[in-house]
Amino acid sequence: MISVFGSANMDLVAYVPSAPKMGETVTGRAFRTVPGGKGANQAVAAARAGAQVAFIGAVGDDPFGPALRGALFESGVDTSRLRVEPGPSGIAHIVVEDSGGNSIIVVPGANGTITGCTAEDIEMIARSRALLLQLELPLDAVVAGARAARAAGVPVVLTPAPVVELPNELLDSVDLIVPNEHEAAAITGADDPDDALKILLDRVPEAVITLGSKGALYGSRAGTRLLVPAVPVEAVDTTAAGDTFVGALAVARAEGREPAQALRFASTAAALSVQREGASTSMPSRAEIDAALL
C-alpha cells in the first residue's frame, strides 16, 4: 500500500487562449470543476497506475467535500482517514492557456486545519510501502508525517510544491525529493538543473528534477545519474503532469523497478495525462501506461 498525506481541493478551471495580465479581462472558452489538490491527485495517479492507495487529509462540510471524497473512492483510494472539518473545502483556481500552460491560486480551506498526525494516521503510514508528501498542508503536518514514516522505516517521497523553505527536520526524513526545474532552482539557488541536483543530493539521498518536455534528471548519493527523455506528445493541459509523474513513479519504485525503468514508467504516465484536459480526470490507467510502454 502507498499512503498519501496531502491536500484535496476542488479545481475551478478556466480555459482561455491566453491568461489575463493584471487589470485585464479576457473571455474564456470553457469552465470546469474537477477534483484535485496535489495530494489527492497523486493518490489517484498511484491508484490508477496499479497500487493500493490510502489518502490522509481533510475536506470541508460544504458541497465540495462529498464530491472530493467520491472522486477518490471511485478511483479505488481508501478514504477512511479523510476527515471532515467545519467550513469550506480547499479550492484551486486554475487558468489553462491553449498552449497547455497554466497558473494556479490555491485557497487551503480544510487542508489548512491539519497540523499533525493522529494515532490512526500514524498506524496507516506505518503499514505503507511508501509515503507521498507535498507542501499544500501546513508544514508542521508535513514534518509530522515524514517523521512518522521515518520511525516506521517507510520511504518518504516529497514533492516540494508550493515552494517554501525546507527545514532540516523535514529533509532528514525524506528519501526522494521530486521538484520541477523551477522549484529546484528556487530551493537550491542554482538555475542549472545539474547544479541543483548536486545541491539537493547534499540534503537527501535521491532526487528527480522534472524538466517538462526535456525529460527528467535523476541522481543518487550512490553516484547514479540519469537523464530520461520525455515522451514526445502535443500537450493539451499540463495541470496534473507533475502529480501523475510522482504517483506513477512511487508505484514503479514500490514494485522494485530500477531507476531508469521507474522513470520511463512515470514519464509515460505523465505524457498520457497531458493529452487530456483536467487534473485527476486526465490520469491514465495501468493498462494505458503498459500499452504505451510496448
C-alpha atoms as a PDB file:
ATOM      1  CA  MET A   1       0.000   0.000   0.000  1.00  0.00           C
ATOM      2  CA  ILE A   2       1.087   3.563  -0.745  1.00  0.00           C
ATOM      3  CA  SER A   3      -0.129   6.287   1.615  1.00  0.00           C
ATOM      4  CA  VAL A   4      -0.574   9.913   0.599  1.00  0.00           C
ATOM      5  CA  PHE A   5      -0.740  12.614   3.270  1.00  0.00           C
ATOM      6  CA  GLY A   6      -1.797  15.760   1.488  1.00  0.00           C
ATOM      7  CA  SER A   7      -4.347  18.182   0.120  1.00  0.00           C
ATOM      8  CA  ALA A   8      -7.715  17.655  -1.520  1.00  0.00           C
ATOM      9  CA  ASN A   9      -9.015  20.656  -3.485  1.00  0.00           C
ATOM     10  CA  MET A  10     -11.802  21.296  -5.906  1.00  0.00           C
ATOM     11  CA  ASP A  11     -10.172  22.712  -9.024  1.00  0.00           C
ATOM     12  CA  LEU A  12     -12.089  25.578 -10.645  1.00  0.00           C
ATOM     13  CA  VAL A  13     -10.625  25.548 -14.137  1.00  0.00           C
ATOM     14  CA  ALA A  14     -10.997  28.258 -16.777  1.00  0.00           C
ATOM     15  CA  TYR A  15      -9.690  27.598 -20.305  1.00  0.00           C
ATOM     16  CA  VAL A  16      -8.505  30.664 -22.229  1.00  0.00           C
ATOM     17  CA  PRO A  17      -6.440  31.425 -25.348  1.00  0.00           C
ATOM     18  CA  SER A  18      -4.035  33.442 -23.171  1.00  0.00           C
ATOM     19  CA  ALA A  19      -4.061  34.174 -19.426  1.00  0.00           C
ATOM     20  CA  PRO A  20      -5.086  37.736 -18.491  1.00  0.00           C
ATOM     21  CA  LYS A  21      -2.473  40.236 -17.369  1.00  0.00           C
ATOM     22  CA  MET A  22      -3.049  42.275 -14.213  1.00  0.00           C
ATOM     23  CA  GLY A  23      -6.095  44.525 -14.752  1.00  0.00           C
ATOM     24  CA  GLU A  24      -7.112  42.714 -17.940  1.00  0.00           C
ATOM     25  CA  THR A  25     -10.347  40.794 -18.587  1.00  0.00           C
ATOM     26  CA  VAL A  26     -10.422  38.017 -21.177  1.00  0.00           C
ATOM     27  CA  THR A  27     -13.153  35.699 -22.445  1.00  0.00           C
ATOM     28  CA  GLY A  28     -12.678  32.017 -21.733  1.00  0.00           C
ATOM     29  CA  ARG A  29     -13.799  29.160 -23.936  1.00  0.00           C
ATOM     30  CA  ALA A  30     -14.777  26.712 -21.155  1.00  0.00           C
ATOM     31  CA  PHE A  31     -15.076  26.246 -17.389  1.00  0.00           C
ATOM     32  CA  ARG A  32     -14.994  23.039 -15.348  1.00  0.00           C
ATOM     33  CA  THR A  33     -14.954  21.933 -11.729  1.00  0.00           C
ATOM     34  CA  VAL A  34     -12.565  18.998 -11.324  1.00  0.00           C
ATOM     35  CA  PRO A  35     -11.483  17.203  -8.120  1.00  0.00           C
ATOM     36  CA  GLY A  36      -7.812  17.902  -7.467  1.00  0.00           C
ATOM     37  CA  GLY A  37      -5.237  19.003  -4.924  1.00  0.00           C
ATOM     38  CA  LYS A  38      -1.658  17.760  -5.132  1.00  0.00           C
ATOM     39  CA  GLY A  39      -2.213  15.094  -2.518  1.00  0.00           C
ATOM     40  CA  ALA A  40      -5.449  13.769  -3.981  1.00  0.00           C
ATOM     41  CA  ASN A  41      -4.011  13.934  -7.491  1.00  0.00           C
ATOM     42  CA  GLN A  42      -1.011  11.824  -6.501  1.00  0.00           C
ATOM     43  CA  ALA A  43      -3.292   9.346  -4.728  1.00  0.00           C
ATOM     44  CA  VAL A  44      -5.463   8.945  -7.828  1.00  0.00           C
ATOM     45  CA  ALA A  45      -2.414   8.694 -10.101  1.00  0.00           C
ATOM     46  CA  ALA A  46      -0.888   5.936  -7.965  1.00  0.00           C
ATOM     47  CA  ALA A  47      -4.187   4.040  -7.737  1.00  0.00           C
ATOM     48  CA  ARG A  48      -4.754   4.195 -11.480  1.00  0.00           C
ATOM     49  CA  ALA A  49      -1.152   3.103 -12.032  1.00  0.00           C
ATOM     50  CA  GLY A  50      -1.878  -0.109 -10.155  1.00  0.00           C
ATOM     51  CA  ALA A  51      -1.227   0.410  -6.436  1.00  0.00           C
ATOM     52  CA  GLN A  52      -3.396   0.051  -3.373  1.00  0.00           C
ATOM     53  CA  VAL A  53      -3.553   3.611  -2.031  1.00  0.00           C
ATOM     54  CA  ALA A  54      -4.751   5.266   1.175  1.00  0.00           C
ATOM     55  CA  PHE A  55      -5.334   9.004   1.480  1.00  0.00           C
ATOM     56  CA  ILE A  56      -4.886  11.004   4.690  1.00  0.00           C
ATOM     57  CA  GLY A  57      -6.310  14.527   4.633  1.00  0.00           C
ATOM     58  CA  ALA A  58      -9.356  16.726   5.178  1.00  0.00           C
ATOM     59  CA  VAL A  59     -12.312  18.204   3.331  1.00  0.00           C
ATOM     60  CA  GLY A  60     -14.893  20.745   4.474  1.00  0.00           C
ATOM     61  CA  ASP A  61     -18.566  20.273   5.265  1.00  0.00           C
ATOM     62  CA  ASP A  62     -19.519  22.191   2.098  1.00  0.00           C
ATOM     63  CA  PRO A  63     -20.880  20.622  -1.120  1.00  0.00           C
ATOM     64  CA  PHE A  64     -17.348  20.107  -2.461  1.00  0.00           C
ATOM     65  CA  GLY A  65     -16.458  17.760   0.408  1.00  0.00           C
ATOM     66  CA  PRO A  66     -18.573  14.759  -0.655  1.00  0.00           C
ATOM     67  CA  ALA A  67     -17.552  15.302  -4.285  1.00  0.00           C
ATOM     68  CA  LEU A  68     -13.865  15.158  -3.386  1.00  0.00           C
ATOM     69  CA  ARG A  69     -14.344  12.035  -1.268  1.00  0.00           C
ATOM     70  CA  GLY A  70     -16.377  10.413  -4.022  1.00  0.00           C
ATOM     71  CA  ALA A  71     -13.723  11.076  -6.666  1.00  0.00           C
ATOM     72  CA  LEU A  72     -11.049   9.406  -4.529  1.00  0.00           C
ATOM     73  CA  PHE A  73     -13.313   6.464  -3.715  1.00  0.00           C
ATOM     74  CA  GLU A  74     -14.256   5.947  -7.368  1.00  0.00           C
ATOM     75  CA  SER A  75     -10.553   5.726  -8.223  1.00  0.00           C
ATOM     76  CA  GLY A  76     -10.089   2.957  -5.657  1.00  0.00           C
ATOM     77  CA  VAL A  77      -8.441   5.094  -2.967  1.00  0.00           C
ATOM     78  CA  ASP A  78      -9.041   4.249   0.710  1.00  0.00           C
ATOM     79  CA  THR A  79     -10.665   7.357   2.239  1.00  0.00           C
ATOM     80  CA  SER A  80     -11.071   6.079   5.808  1.00  0.00           C
ATOM     81  CA  ARG A  81      -8.584   8.712   7.045  1.00  0.00           C
ATOM     82  CA  LEU A  82     -10.169  11.595   5.093  1.00  0.00           C
ATOM     83  CA  ARG A  83     -11.675  13.707   7.875  1.00  0.00           C
ATOM     84  CA  VAL A  84     -14.431  16.327   7.587  1.00  0.00           C
ATOM     85  CA  GLU A  85     -13.789  19.751   9.126  1.00  0.00           C
ATOM     86  CA  PRO A  86     -16.267  22.620   9.633  1.00  0.00           C
ATOM     87  CA  GLY A  87     -16.048  25.216   6.864  1.00  0.00           C
ATOM     88  CA  PRO A  88     -15.056  25.156   3.205  1.00  0.00           C
ATOM     89  CA  SER A  89     -13.001  22.561   1.382  1.00  0.00           C
ATOM     90  CA  GLY A  90      -9.790  23.619  -0.311  1.00  0.00           C
ATOM     91  CA  ILE A  91     -10.094  25.079  -3.789  1.00  0.00           C
ATOM     92  CA  ALA A  92      -7.692  25.867  -6.601  1.00  0.00           C
ATOM     93  CA  HIS A  93      -8.434  28.497  -9.245  1.00  0.00           C
ATOM     94  CA  ILE A  94      -6.643  27.357 -12.401  1.00  0.00           C
ATOM     95  CA  VAL A  95      -6.233  29.222 -15.675  1.00  0.00           C
ATOM     96  CA  VAL A  96      -5.226  26.962 -18.568  1.00  0.00           C
ATOM     97  CA  GLU A  97      -3.958  28.538 -21.795  1.00  0.00           C
ATOM     98  CA  ASP A  98      -4.489  26.955 -25.205  1.00  0.00           C
ATOM     99  CA  SER A  99      -0.738  26.267 -25.236  1.00  0.00           C
ATOM    100  CA  GLY A 100      -1.282  23.873 -22.309  1.00  0.00           C
ATOM    101  CA  GLY A 101       0.458  26.114 -19.762  1.00  0.00           C
ATOM    102  CA  ASN A 102      -1.296  27.050 -16.546  1.00  0.00           C
ATOM    103  CA  SER A 103      -1.272  29.286 -13.481  1.00  0.00           C
ATOM    104  CA  ILE A 104      -2.846  28.333 -10.158  1.00  0.00           C
ATOM    105  CA  ILE A 105      -4.110  30.047  -6.987  1.00  0.00           C
ATOM    106  CA  VAL A 106      -4.740  27.670  -4.052  1.00  0.00           C
ATOM    107  CA  VAL A 107      -7.008  28.531  -1.084  1.00  0.00           C
ATOM    108  CA  PRO A 108      -6.334  25.824   1.558  1.00  0.00           C
ATOM    109  CA  GLY A 109      -9.703  25.642   3.314  1.00  0.00           C
ATOM    110  CA  ALA A 110      -9.970  22.396   5.289  1.00  0.00           C
ATOM    111  CA  ASN A 111      -6.418  21.424   4.298  1.00  0.00           C
ATOM    112  CA  GLY A 112      -5.153  24.245   6.496  1.00  0.00           C
ATOM    113  CA  THR A 113      -6.729  22.704   9.609  1.00  0.00           C
ATOM    114  CA  ILE A 114      -4.336  19.733   9.619  1.00  0.00           C
ATOM    115  CA  THR A 115      -1.459  20.430  11.993  1.00  0.00           C
ATOM    116  CA  GLY A 116      -0.204  16.914  12.721  1.00  0.00           C
ATOM    117  CA  CYS A 117      -0.918  13.190  12.591  1.00  0.00           C
ATOM    118  CA  THR A 118      -3.458  11.311  14.675  1.00  0.00           C
ATOM    119  CA  ALA A 119      -2.679   7.874  16.099  1.00  0.00           C
ATOM    120  CA  GLU A 120      -4.793   6.364  13.308  1.00  0.00           C
ATOM    121  CA  ASP A 121      -2.848   8.315  10.674  1.00  0.00           C
ATOM    122  CA  ILE A 122       0.447   7.076  12.094  1.00  0.00           C
ATOM    123  CA  GLU A 123      -0.782   3.483  12.106  1.00  0.00           C
ATOM    124  CA  MET A 124      -1.774   3.723   8.443  1.00  0.00           C
ATOM    125  CA  ILE A 125       1.563   5.278   7.479  1.00  0.00           C
ATOM    126  CA  ALA A 126       3.427   2.501   9.307  1.00  0.00           C
ATOM    127  CA  ARG A 127       1.638  -0.128   7.178  1.00  0.00           C
ATOM    128  CA  SER A 128       2.691   1.531   3.916  1.00  0.00           C
ATOM    129  CA  ARG A 129       5.402   0.765   1.381  1.00  0.00           C
ATOM    130  CA  ALA A 130       5.868   4.499   0.754  1.00  0.00           C
ATOM    131  CA  LEU A 131       4.507   7.846   1.957  1.00  0.00           C
ATOM    132  CA  LEU A 132       3.920  10.658  -0.536  1.00  0.00           C
ATOM    133  CA  LEU A 133       4.042  14.223   0.801  1.00  0.00           C
ATOM    134  CA  GLN A 134       3.584  17.672  -0.748  1.00  0.00           C
ATOM    135  CA  LEU A 135       3.501  21.184   0.729  1.00  0.00           C
ATOM    136  CA  GLU A 136      -0.157  22.189   0.392  1.00  0.00           C
ATOM    137  CA  LEU A 137      -0.723  21.208   4.042  1.00  0.00           C
ATOM    138  CA  PRO A 138       0.723  23.227   6.949  1.00  0.00           C
ATOM    139  CA  LEU A 139       4.434  22.491   7.277  1.00  0.00           C
ATOM    140  CA  ASP A 140       4.055  21.111  10.809  1.00  0.00           C
ATOM    141  CA  ALA A 141       1.741  18.427   9.468  1.00  0.00           C
ATOM    142  CA  VAL A 142       4.151  17.516   6.664  1.00  0.00           C
ATOM    143  CA  VAL A 143       7.030  17.211   9.138  1.00  0.00           C
ATOM    144  CA  ALA A 144       4.893  15.048  11.431  1.00  0.00           C
ATOM    145  CA  GLY A 145       4.011  12.730   8.555  1.00  0.00           C
ATOM    146  CA  ALA A 146       7.629  12.429   7.454  1.00  0.00           C
ATOM    147  CA  ARG A 147       8.778  11.666  10.996  1.00  0.00           C
ATOM    148  CA  ALA A 148       6.087   9.008  11.420  1.00  0.00           C
ATOM    149  CA  ALA A 149       7.227   7.325   8.226  1.00  0.00           C
ATOM    150  CA  ARG A 150      10.894   7.525   9.186  1.00  0.00           C
ATOM    151  CA  ALA A 151      10.170   5.984  12.585  1.00  0.00           C
ATOM    152  CA  ALA A 152       8.410   3.072  10.871  1.00  0.00           C
ATOM    153  CA  GLY A 153      11.084   2.622   8.192  1.00  0.00           C
ATOM    154  CA  VAL A 154       8.728   3.739   5.416  1.00  0.00           C
ATOM    155  CA  PRO A 155      10.337   5.570   2.447  1.00  0.00           C
ATOM    156  CA  VAL A 156       9.242   9.201   2.055  1.00  0.00           C
ATOM    157  CA  VAL A 157       8.759  10.890  -1.334  1.00  0.00           C
ATOM    158  CA  LEU A 158       8.427  14.680  -1.153  1.00  0.00           C
ATOM    159  CA  THR A 159       7.068  16.974  -3.849  1.00  0.00           C
ATOM    160  CA  PRO A 160       8.302  20.410  -2.666  1.00  0.00           C
ATOM    161  CA  ALA A 161       5.388  22.439  -4.018  1.00  0.00           C
ATOM    162  CA  PRO A 162       4.380  25.117  -3.430  1.00  0.00           C
ATOM    163  CA  VAL A 163       7.946  26.161  -2.648  1.00  0.00           C
ATOM    164  CA  VAL A 164       8.743  27.055   0.948  1.00  0.00           C
ATOM    165  CA  GLU A 165      11.978  26.971   2.920  1.00  0.00           C
ATOM    166  CA  LEU A 166      12.585  23.310   3.712  1.00  0.00           C
ATOM    167  CA  PRO A 167      13.705  22.714   7.314  1.00  0.00           C
ATOM    168  CA  ASN A 168      16.290  20.065   8.132  1.00  0.00           C
ATOM    169  CA  GLU A 169      13.766  18.340  10.382  1.00  0.00           C
ATOM    170  CA  LEU A 170      11.761  17.566   7.246  1.00  0.00           C
ATOM    171  CA  LEU A 171      14.598  16.747   4.845  1.00  0.00           C
ATOM    172  CA  ASP A 172      16.224  14.441   7.386  1.00  0.00           C
ATOM    173  CA  SER A 173      13.218  12.141   6.930  1.00  0.00           C
ATOM    174  CA  VAL A 174      12.963  12.380   3.119  1.00  0.00           C
ATOM    175  CA  ASP A 175      14.327   9.604   0.878  1.00  0.00           C
ATOM    176  CA  LEU A 176      13.432  11.080  -2.527  1.00  0.00           C
ATOM    177  CA  ILE A 177      12.606  14.668  -3.476  1.00  0.00           C
ATOM    178  CA  VAL A 178      10.862  15.430  -6.798  1.00  0.00           C
ATOM    179  CA  PRO A 179      10.793  19.132  -7.722  1.00  0.00           C
ATOM    180  CA  ASN A 180      10.268  20.529 -11.178  1.00  0.00           C
ATOM    181  CA  GLU A 181      13.072  22.642 -12.632  1.00  0.00           C
ATOM    182  CA  HIS A 182      11.608  25.917 -11.314  1.00  0.00           C
ATOM    183  CA  GLU A 183      11.117  24.531  -7.809  1.00  0.00           C
ATOM    184  CA  ALA A 184      14.621  23.048  -7.846  1.00  0.00           C
ATOM    185  CA  ALA A 185      16.085  26.437  -8.756  1.00  0.00           C
ATOM    186  CA  ALA A 186      14.086  28.205  -6.039  1.00  0.00           C
ATOM    187  CA  ILE A 187      15.127  25.660  -3.385  1.00  0.00           C
ATOM    188  CA  THR A 188      18.816  25.500  -4.278  1.00  0.00           C
ATOM    189  CA  GLY A 189      19.524  28.900  -5.843  1.00  0.00           C
ATOM    190  CA  ALA A 190      21.008  27.112  -8.878  1.00  0.00           C
ATOM    191  CA  ASP A 191      19.399  27.704 -12.266  1.00  0.00           C
ATOM    192  CA  ASP A 192      21.255  24.834 -13.931  1.00  0.00           C
ATOM    193  CA  PRO A 193      19.473  21.522 -13.169  1.00  0.00           C
ATOM    194  CA  ASP A 194      22.759  19.620 -12.873  1.00  0.00           C
ATOM    195  CA  ASP A 195      23.994  22.056 -10.257  1.00  0.00           C
ATOM    196  CA  ALA A 196      20.637  21.974  -8.484  1.00  0.00           C
ATOM    197  CA  LEU A 197      20.747  18.182  -8.418  1.00  0.00           C
ATOM    198  CA  LYS A 198      24.139  18.194  -6.689  1.00  0.00           C
ATOM    199  CA  ILE A 199      22.855  20.571  -4.017  1.00  0.00           C
ATOM    200  CA  LEU A 200      19.718  18.501  -3.451  1.00  0.00           C
ATOM    201  CA  LEU A 201      21.802  15.356  -3.002  1.00  0.00           C
ATOM    202  CA  ASP A 202      23.675  17.086  -0.182  1.00  0.00           C
ATOM    203  CA  ARG A 203      20.341  17.137   1.652  1.00  0.00           C
ATOM    204  CA  VAL A 204      18.513  13.935   0.591  1.00  0.00           C
ATOM    205  CA  PRO A 205      19.626  10.506  -0.695  1.00  0.00           C
ATOM    206  CA  GLU A 206      17.841  10.663  -4.072  1.00  0.00           C
ATOM    207  CA  ALA A 207      16.384  13.393  -6.273  1.00  0.00           C
ATOM    208  CA  VAL A 208      14.454  13.683  -9.519  1.00  0.00           C
ATOM    209  CA  ILE A 209      14.109  17.050 -11.246  1.00  0.00           C
ATOM    210  CA  THR A 210      11.344  17.072 -13.832  1.00  0.00           C
ATOM    211  CA  LEU A 211      12.211  19.164 -16.879  1.00  0.00           C
ATOM    212  CA  GLY A 212       8.943  19.253 -18.811  1.00  0.00           C
ATOM    213  CA  SER A 213       9.477  18.453 -22.476  1.00  0.00           C
ATOM    214  CA  LYS A 214      13.191  17.886 -21.775  1.00  0.00           C
ATOM    215  CA  GLY A 215      12.532  14.854 -19.590  1.00  0.00           C
ATOM    216  CA  ALA A 216      13.607  14.062 -16.035  1.00  0.00           C
ATOM    217  CA  LEU A 217      17.005  14.204 -14.349  1.00  0.00           C
ATOM    218  CA  TYR A 218      17.739  11.621 -11.621  1.00  0.00           C
ATOM    219  CA  GLY A 219      20.606  11.384  -9.186  1.00  0.00           C
ATOM    220  CA  SER A 220      21.516   9.464  -6.057  1.00  0.00           C
ATOM    221  CA  ARG A 221      24.224   9.656  -3.436  1.00  0.00           C
ATOM    222  CA  ALA A 222      25.419   6.288  -4.728  1.00  0.00           C
ATOM    223  CA  GLY A 223      26.627   8.164  -7.816  1.00  0.00           C
ATOM    224  CA  THR A 224      23.909   7.252 -10.320  1.00  0.00           C
ATOM    225  CA  ARG A 225      22.978   9.991 -12.815  1.00  0.00           C
ATOM    226  CA  LEU A 226      20.253   9.559 -15.419  1.00  0.00           C
ATOM    227  CA  LEU A 227      18.535  11.844 -17.918  1.00  0.00           C
ATOM    228  CA  VAL A 228      15.372  10.161 -19.136  1.00  0.00           C
ATOM    229  CA  PRO A 229      13.817  11.908 -22.151  1.00  0.00           C
ATOM    230  CA  ALA A 230      10.185  12.925 -22.129  1.00  0.00           C
ATOM    231  CA  VAL A 231       7.741  11.085 -24.357  1.00  0.00           C
ATOM    232  CA  PRO A 232       7.041  13.484 -27.256  1.00  0.00           C
ATOM    233  CA  VAL A 233       3.361  14.452 -27.327  1.00  0.00           C
ATOM    234  CA  GLU A 234       1.282  17.544 -28.016  1.00  0.00           C
ATOM    235  CA  ALA A 235       0.161  18.900 -24.648  1.00  0.00           C
ATOM    236  CA  VAL A 236      -3.451  19.961 -24.124  1.00  0.00           C
ATOM    237  CA  ASP A 237      -3.347  20.581 -20.351  1.00  0.00           C
ATOM    238  CA  THR A 238      -0.270  20.168 -18.119  1.00  0.00           C
ATOM    239  CA  THR A 239      -2.107  20.822 -14.826  1.00  0.00           C
ATOM    240  CA  ALA A 240      -1.570  17.380 -13.288  1.00  0.00           C
ATOM    241  CA  ALA A 241       1.518  16.223 -15.170  1.00  0.00           C
ATOM    242  CA  GLY A 242       3.816  16.501 -12.155  1.00  0.00           C
ATOM    243  CA  ASP A 243       1.422  14.736  -9.792  1.00  0.00           C
ATOM    244  CA  THR A 244       0.827  11.979 -12.337  1.00  0.00           C
ATOM    245  CA  PHE A 245       4.597  11.548 -12.665  1.00  0.00           C
ATOM    246  CA  VAL A 246       5.112  11.284  -8.897  1.00  0.00           C
ATOM    247  CA  GLY A 247       2.211   8.889  -8.341  1.00  0.00           C
ATOM    248  CA  ALA A 248       3.362   6.586 -11.121  1.00  0.00           C
ATOM    249  CA  LEU A 249       6.995   6.833 -10.010  1.00  0.00           C
ATOM    250  CA  ALA A 250       6.034   5.762  -6.485  1.00  0.00           C
ATOM    251  CA  VAL A 251       4.212   2.725  -7.887  1.00  0.00           C
ATOM    252  CA  ALA A 252       7.152   1.711 -10.067  1.00  0.00           C
ATOM    253  CA  ARG A 253       9.586   2.043  -7.163  1.00  0.00           C
ATOM    254  CA  ALA A 254       7.286   0.064  -4.863  1.00  0.00           C
ATOM    255  CA  GLU A 255       7.264  -2.692  -7.491  1.00  0.00           C
ATOM    256  CA  GLY A 256      11.063  -2.810  -7.329  1.00  0.00           C
ATOM    257  CA  ARG A 257      11.862  -1.299 -10.717  1.00  0.00           C
ATOM    258  CA  GLU A 258      15.329   0.084 -11.307  1.00  0.00           C
ATOM    259  CA  PRO A 259      15.587   3.900 -11.565  1.00  0.00           C
ATOM    260  CA  ALA A 260      15.691   4.024 -15.383  1.00  0.00           C
ATOM    261  CA  GLN A 261      12.650   1.759 -15.698  1.00  0.00           C
ATOM    262  CA  ALA A 262      10.759   3.598 -12.963  1.00  0.00           C
ATOM    263  CA  LEU A 263      11.423   6.977 -14.595  1.00  0.00           C
ATOM    264  CA  ARG A 264      10.304   5.712 -18.002  1.00  0.00           C
ATOM    265  CA  PHE A 265       7.090   4.358 -16.463  1.00  0.00           C
ATOM    266  CA  ALA A 266       6.426   7.705 -14.741  1.00  0.00           C
ATOM    267  CA  SER A 267       7.280   9.749 -17.841  1.00  0.00           C
ATOM    268  CA  THR A 268       4.899   7.670 -19.926  1.00  0.00           C
ATOM    269  CA  ALA A 269       2.076   8.196 -17.425  1.00  0.00           C
ATOM    270  CA  ALA A 270       2.698  11.948 -17.407  1.00  0.00           C
ATOM    271  CA  ALA A 271       2.772  12.087 -21.215  1.00  0.00           C
ATOM    272  CA  LEU A 272      -0.604  10.366 -21.385  1.00  0.00           C
ATOM    273  CA  SER A 273      -2.087  12.781 -18.834  1.00  0.00           C
ATOM    274  CA  VAL A 274      -1.109  15.992 -20.652  1.00  0.00           C
ATOM    275  CA  GLN A 275      -3.027  14.901 -23.754  1.00  0.00           C
ATOM    276  CA  ARG A 276      -6.324  15.284 -21.840  1.00  0.00           C
ATOM    277  CA  GLU A 277      -7.986  18.182 -20.062  1.00  0.00           C
ATOM    278  CA  GLY A 278      -8.336  18.205 -16.284  1.00  0.00           C
ATOM    279  CA  ALA A 279      -6.303  17.103 -13.293  1.00  0.00           C
ATOM    280  CA  SER A 280      -7.339  13.787 -11.741  1.00  0.00           C
ATOM    281  CA  THR A 281      -9.631  13.133 -14.720  1.00  0.00           C
ATOM    282  CA  SER A 282      -6.647  13.124 -17.083  1.00  0.00           C
ATOM    283  CA  MET A 283      -4.648  10.409 -15.310  1.00  0.00           C
ATOM    284  CA  PRO A 284      -4.084   7.144 -17.193  1.00  0.00           C
ATOM    285  CA  SER A 285      -4.924   3.618 -16.081  1.00  0.00           C
ATOM    286  CA  ARG A 286      -2.303   0.913 -15.617  1.00  0.00           C
ATOM    287  CA  ALA A 287      -3.456  -0.735 -18.834  1.00  0.00           C
ATOM    288  CA  GLU A 288      -2.946   2.515 -20.750  1.00  0.00           C
ATOM    289  CA  ILE A 289       0.544   3.003 -19.305  1.00  0.00           C
ATOM    290  CA  ASP A 290       1.581  -0.585 -20.067  1.00  0.00           C
ATOM    291  CA  ALA A 291       0.230  -0.343 -23.628  1.00  0.00           C
ATOM    292  CA  ALA A 292       2.141   2.901 -24.256  1.00  0.00           C
ATOM    293  CA  LEU A 293       5.367   1.314 -22.982  1.00  0.00           C
ATOM    294  CA  LEU A 294       5.213  -1.519 -25.525  1.00  0.00           C
END
